[in-house]
Every structure is written in structure tokens, then in C-alpha cells.
Amino acid sequence: MTLSDKIKDVIRDIPDFPKPGIVFKDITPILSNSKLVTEVVDWFVEKGKQDNIDVVVGVESRGFLFGLLIAEKMGVPFVPVRKQGKLPYKTIAHSYDLEYGSATVEIHEDALKPGQKVMIHDDLLATGGTAMAAAELVKQIGGKVCNYTFLIELGFLNGKENIGLDNNEAIHSIITY
């Protein structure tokens, strides 16, 4: 059984969450299976090694779940991108549209060194708005986005196409619906 099949077997669909018409992909059952968590982290670590990543940037909040584990296993720093007002030090912010609203995310202004190669990690790629906002923050403080990693990609929302990859960036998703 492939990793993709194992994950699909445990993900729950939650209809009408967080609003009517949305089918939420609940990844929390993965977290109760330590062996599966290890397999997921190892898959992302391999992608990070392929792309010579220096830093993992995790997007709030589910991007923290695997992002920190990926960084720890690779022996690289982890940097959080958080919702506006949640980081305690000096930040820069970027606002963007979601598939069901809008949001602003922030990063500490000193979170990266110029030229560091960055993996942007989140649990889900939908329209790409959150990933693009995180990439914009990384670029503003001098980092270089090398790849985007996701547990799940909702291909029908065209997030890959919306991100519009620059140079040698890559998008890696374990599952595509």
C-alpha cells in the first residue's frame, strides 16, 4: 500500500465545515498513528533534501504539525508564519484572499538570513493564496523559496497554477484530490 493510499484511508471528510458547501479534509486521524506520521515526515524530508533546503517555514496552524518535525529531522531551523497579531517581535505582513474569505499573515522580520533556501510547508494546497502569501513574506526578508510541500492538494482549485512557480521552485503533494 502506498503512502498516499494509507493517508486516504484515514482522512475524514467533514461536510459543510467551516461553512456550507465546503468539504473539510480532516487530517487529525493521521496524528494518532505515529508510524504514519513518521512516514509522512520522511517523505517531506526527502523532498527537502532533494531541493537543498536550509529552513522550513510552516504556515499556521496545521503547517506547524509536520513542519517542525521536518525541520528537526533535517537539522534545519523552523520558522512560523502566523495569523496577524500572533507573533511577539517585529513583523512584516501580507494580506491575501482565501477560498472563503481573506486573511493576513506575518513573519518575524529577522526570521531568515539573506539567500537561505526555504521549504514552505502547509497541510493543504487549495487555491494557493496562503502559500503565495508565505512566499511573499519569505522573499521580502531575503529568503529564496525552493519548494512548497503539502499533505493534500485539491487539484480542482488550481493552486499549483495560481502559485506560478519561479525559477527552480517545486510543489510536492502526497495526495491530490
Protein backbone atom coordinates (compact mmCIF):
# COMPACT_ATOMS: atom_id res chain seq x y z
CA MET A 1 0.00 0.00 0.00
CA THR A 2 1.39 3.42 -0.97
CA LEU A 3 1.76 6.31 1.47
CA SER A 4 -0.96 8.12 -0.45
CA ASP A 5 -3.33 5.16 0.00
CA LYS A 6 -2.55 4.92 3.72
CA ILE A 7 -3.33 8.59 4.21
CA LYS A 8 -6.51 8.47 2.12
CA ASP A 9 -7.70 5.56 4.27
CA VAL A 10 -7.61 7.67 7.45
CA ILE A 11 -8.54 11.20 6.32
CA ARG A 12 -12.09 12.14 7.25
CA ASP A 13 -14.34 14.27 5.08
CA ILE A 14 -16.33 16.76 7.17
CA PRO A 15 -19.16 18.23 5.09
CA ASP A 16 -20.16 21.89 5.46
CA PHE A 17 -17.13 22.88 7.55
CA PRO A 18 -16.18 25.65 8.14
CA LYS A 19 -19.19 26.80 6.10
CA PRO A 20 -21.88 25.24 3.91
CA GLY A 21 -20.59 23.77 0.66
CA ILE A 22 -17.04 23.13 1.90
CA VAL A 23 -15.88 19.53 2.43
CA PHE A 24 -13.09 19.77 5.03
CA LYS A 25 -10.30 17.18 4.83
CA ASP A 26 -9.63 16.26 8.48
CA ILE A 27 -6.02 15.12 8.92
CA THR A 28 -6.20 14.61 12.70
CA PRO A 29 -6.60 10.81 12.41
CA ILE A 30 -3.09 10.71 10.89
CA LEU A 31 -1.73 12.20 14.12
CA SER A 32 -2.93 9.23 16.17
CA ASN A 33 -0.73 6.86 14.15
CA SER A 34 2.93 7.50 14.99
CA LYS A 35 4.18 5.14 12.27
CA LEU A 36 2.18 7.00 9.63
CA VAL A 37 3.40 10.36 10.97
CA THR A 38 6.99 9.11 10.60
CA GLU A 39 6.33 8.00 7.01
CA VAL A 40 4.80 11.38 6.17
CA VAL A 41 7.71 13.30 7.73
CA ASP A 42 10.25 11.08 5.94
CA TRP A 43 8.52 11.77 2.60
CA PHE A 44 8.77 15.54 3.16
CA VAL A 45 12.36 15.29 4.40
CA GLU A 46 13.32 13.55 1.16
CA LYS A 47 11.81 16.43 -0.83
CA GLY A 48 13.70 18.91 1.34
CA LYS A 49 16.97 17.09 0.77
CA GLN A 50 16.38 16.95 -3.00
CA ASP A 51 15.93 20.73 -3.02
CA ASN A 52 18.79 21.50 -0.57
CA ILE A 53 16.57 23.27 1.96
CA ASP A 54 18.15 25.47 4.68
CA VAL A 55 14.94 26.40 6.54
CA VAL A 56 11.39 25.07 6.87
CA VAL A 57 8.68 27.75 7.02
CA GLY A 58 5.43 26.35 8.42
CA VAL A 59 2.11 28.08 7.85
CA GLU A 60 -0.30 28.42 10.78
CA SER A 61 -1.63 26.29 12.11
CA ARG A 62 -1.63 22.84 10.57
CA GLY A 63 1.63 23.59 8.75
CA PHE A 64 3.24 23.54 12.20
CA LEU A 65 2.26 19.90 12.81
CA PHE A 66 4.65 18.39 10.28
CA GLY A 67 6.77 21.47 9.57
CA LEU A 68 8.58 21.41 12.90
CA LEU A 69 9.14 17.64 12.65
CA ILE A 70 10.55 18.04 9.12
CA ALA A 71 12.92 20.77 10.26
CA GLU A 72 14.06 18.77 13.29
CA LYS A 73 14.72 15.66 11.22
CA MET A 74 16.64 17.69 8.61
CA GLY A 75 18.60 19.56 11.29
CA VAL A 76 17.47 22.96 9.99
CA PRO A 77 15.59 25.88 11.61
CA PHE A 78 11.81 26.10 11.69
CA VAL A 79 10.14 29.49 11.10
CA PRO A 80 6.43 30.04 11.76
CA VAL A 81 4.20 32.16 9.53
CA ARG A 82 1.27 33.16 11.72
CA LYS A 83 -2.02 34.98 11.57
CA GLN A 84 -1.79 38.70 12.14
CA GLY A 85 -1.11 39.74 15.74
CA LYS A 86 0.18 36.35 16.96
CA LEU A 87 3.96 36.88 16.73
CA PRO A 88 5.57 38.82 19.60
CA TYR A 89 8.50 40.52 17.84
CA LYS A 90 8.73 42.95 14.90
CA THR A 91 6.95 41.52 11.87
CA ILE A 92 6.13 42.10 8.26
CA ALA A 93 2.65 41.25 7.00
CA HIS A 94 0.94 40.21 3.78
CA SER A 95 -2.83 40.11 3.13
CA TYR A 96 -4.48 37.76 0.65
CA ASP A 97 -7.79 36.16 -0.34
CA LEU A 98 -8.82 32.65 0.71
CA GLU A 99 -11.32 30.35 -0.96
CA TYR A 100 -13.85 31.55 1.65
CA GLY A 101 -12.67 34.95 2.91
CA SER A 102 -9.46 36.90 3.40
CA ALA A 103 -6.55 36.84 5.85
CA THR A 104 -3.29 38.47 6.82
CA VAL A 105 -0.18 36.51 7.78
CA GLU A 106 3.05 37.67 9.37
CA ILE A 107 6.65 36.57 9.83
CA HIS A 108 9.33 37.95 12.15
CA GLU A 109 11.41 40.42 10.19
CA ASP A 110 14.64 38.67 11.26
CA ALA A 111 13.42 35.08 10.76
CA LEU A 112 15.67 34.34 7.76
CA LYS A 113 19.16 35.19 6.60
CA PRO A 114 19.53 36.55 3.07
CA GLY A 115 19.71 33.78 0.48
CA GLN A 116 18.52 30.95 2.72
CA LYS A 117 16.75 28.21 0.75
CA VAL A 118 13.23 27.75 2.08
CA MET A 119 10.62 25.00 2.09
CA ILE A 120 7.14 26.42 2.62
CA HIS A 121 5.05 23.75 4.30
CA ASP A 122 1.31 23.54 4.93
CA ASP A 123 -1.18 20.71 5.23
CA LEU A 124 -3.36 21.73 2.28
CA LEU A 125 -2.98 23.39 -1.11
CA ALA A 126 -6.33 24.79 -2.22
CA THR A 127 -6.26 28.00 -4.29
CA GLY A 128 -2.64 28.74 -3.36
CA GLY A 129 -3.37 32.06 -1.62
CA THR A 130 -1.82 31.12 1.71
CA ALA A 131 1.27 29.60 0.12
CA MET A 132 1.75 32.66 -2.10
CA ALA A 133 1.39 34.96 0.92
CA ALA A 134 4.03 32.97 2.82
CA ALA A 135 6.32 33.07 -0.24
CA GLU A 136 5.92 36.82 -0.48
CA LEU A 137 6.94 37.19 3.17
CA VAL A 138 9.97 34.92 2.65
CA LYS A 139 11.07 36.92 -0.38
CA GLN A 140 10.59 40.27 1.39
CA ILE A 141 13.06 39.29 4.11
CA GLY A 142 15.62 37.87 1.68
CA GLY A 143 14.87 34.15 1.60
CA LYS A 144 14.66 32.05 -1.55
CA VAL A 145 11.66 29.76 -1.91
CA CYS A 146 12.89 26.40 -3.24
CA ASN A 147 9.79 24.30 -2.73
CA TYR A 148 6.28 24.08 -1.37
CA THR A 149 5.18 20.89 0.38
CA PHE A 150 1.63 19.81 1.17
CA LEU A 151 -0.01 16.74 2.62
CA ILE A 152 -3.09 17.31 0.44
CA GLU A 153 -3.66 19.15 -2.82
CA LEU A 154 -7.15 19.99 -4.04
CA GLY A 155 -6.26 19.90 -7.74
CA PHE A 156 -9.67 21.14 -8.87
CA LEU A 157 -8.94 24.53 -7.21
CA ASN A 158 -5.83 25.08 -9.38
CA GLY A 159 -3.48 26.07 -6.57
CA LYS A 160 -0.40 24.85 -8.46
CA GLU A 161 -1.26 27.00 -11.44
CA ASN A 162 -2.10 30.00 -9.25
CA ILE A 163 1.22 29.86 -7.41
CA GLY A 164 3.04 30.37 -10.71
CA LEU A 165 6.43 28.89 -9.91
CA ASP A 166 9.57 30.97 -10.37
CA ASN A 167 12.97 29.63 -11.40
CA ASN A 168 13.54 26.17 -9.90
CA GLU A 169 10.75 26.09 -7.31
CA ALA A 170 8.82 22.84 -6.95
CA ILE A 171 5.49 21.79 -5.47
CA HIS A 172 5.30 18.42 -3.74
CA SER A 173 1.97 16.97 -2.54
CA ILE A 174 1.46 13.48 -1.17
CA ILE A 175 -2.23 13.31 -2.14
CA THR A 176 -4.16 15.08 -4.89
CA TYR A 177 -7.94 15.10 -4.96
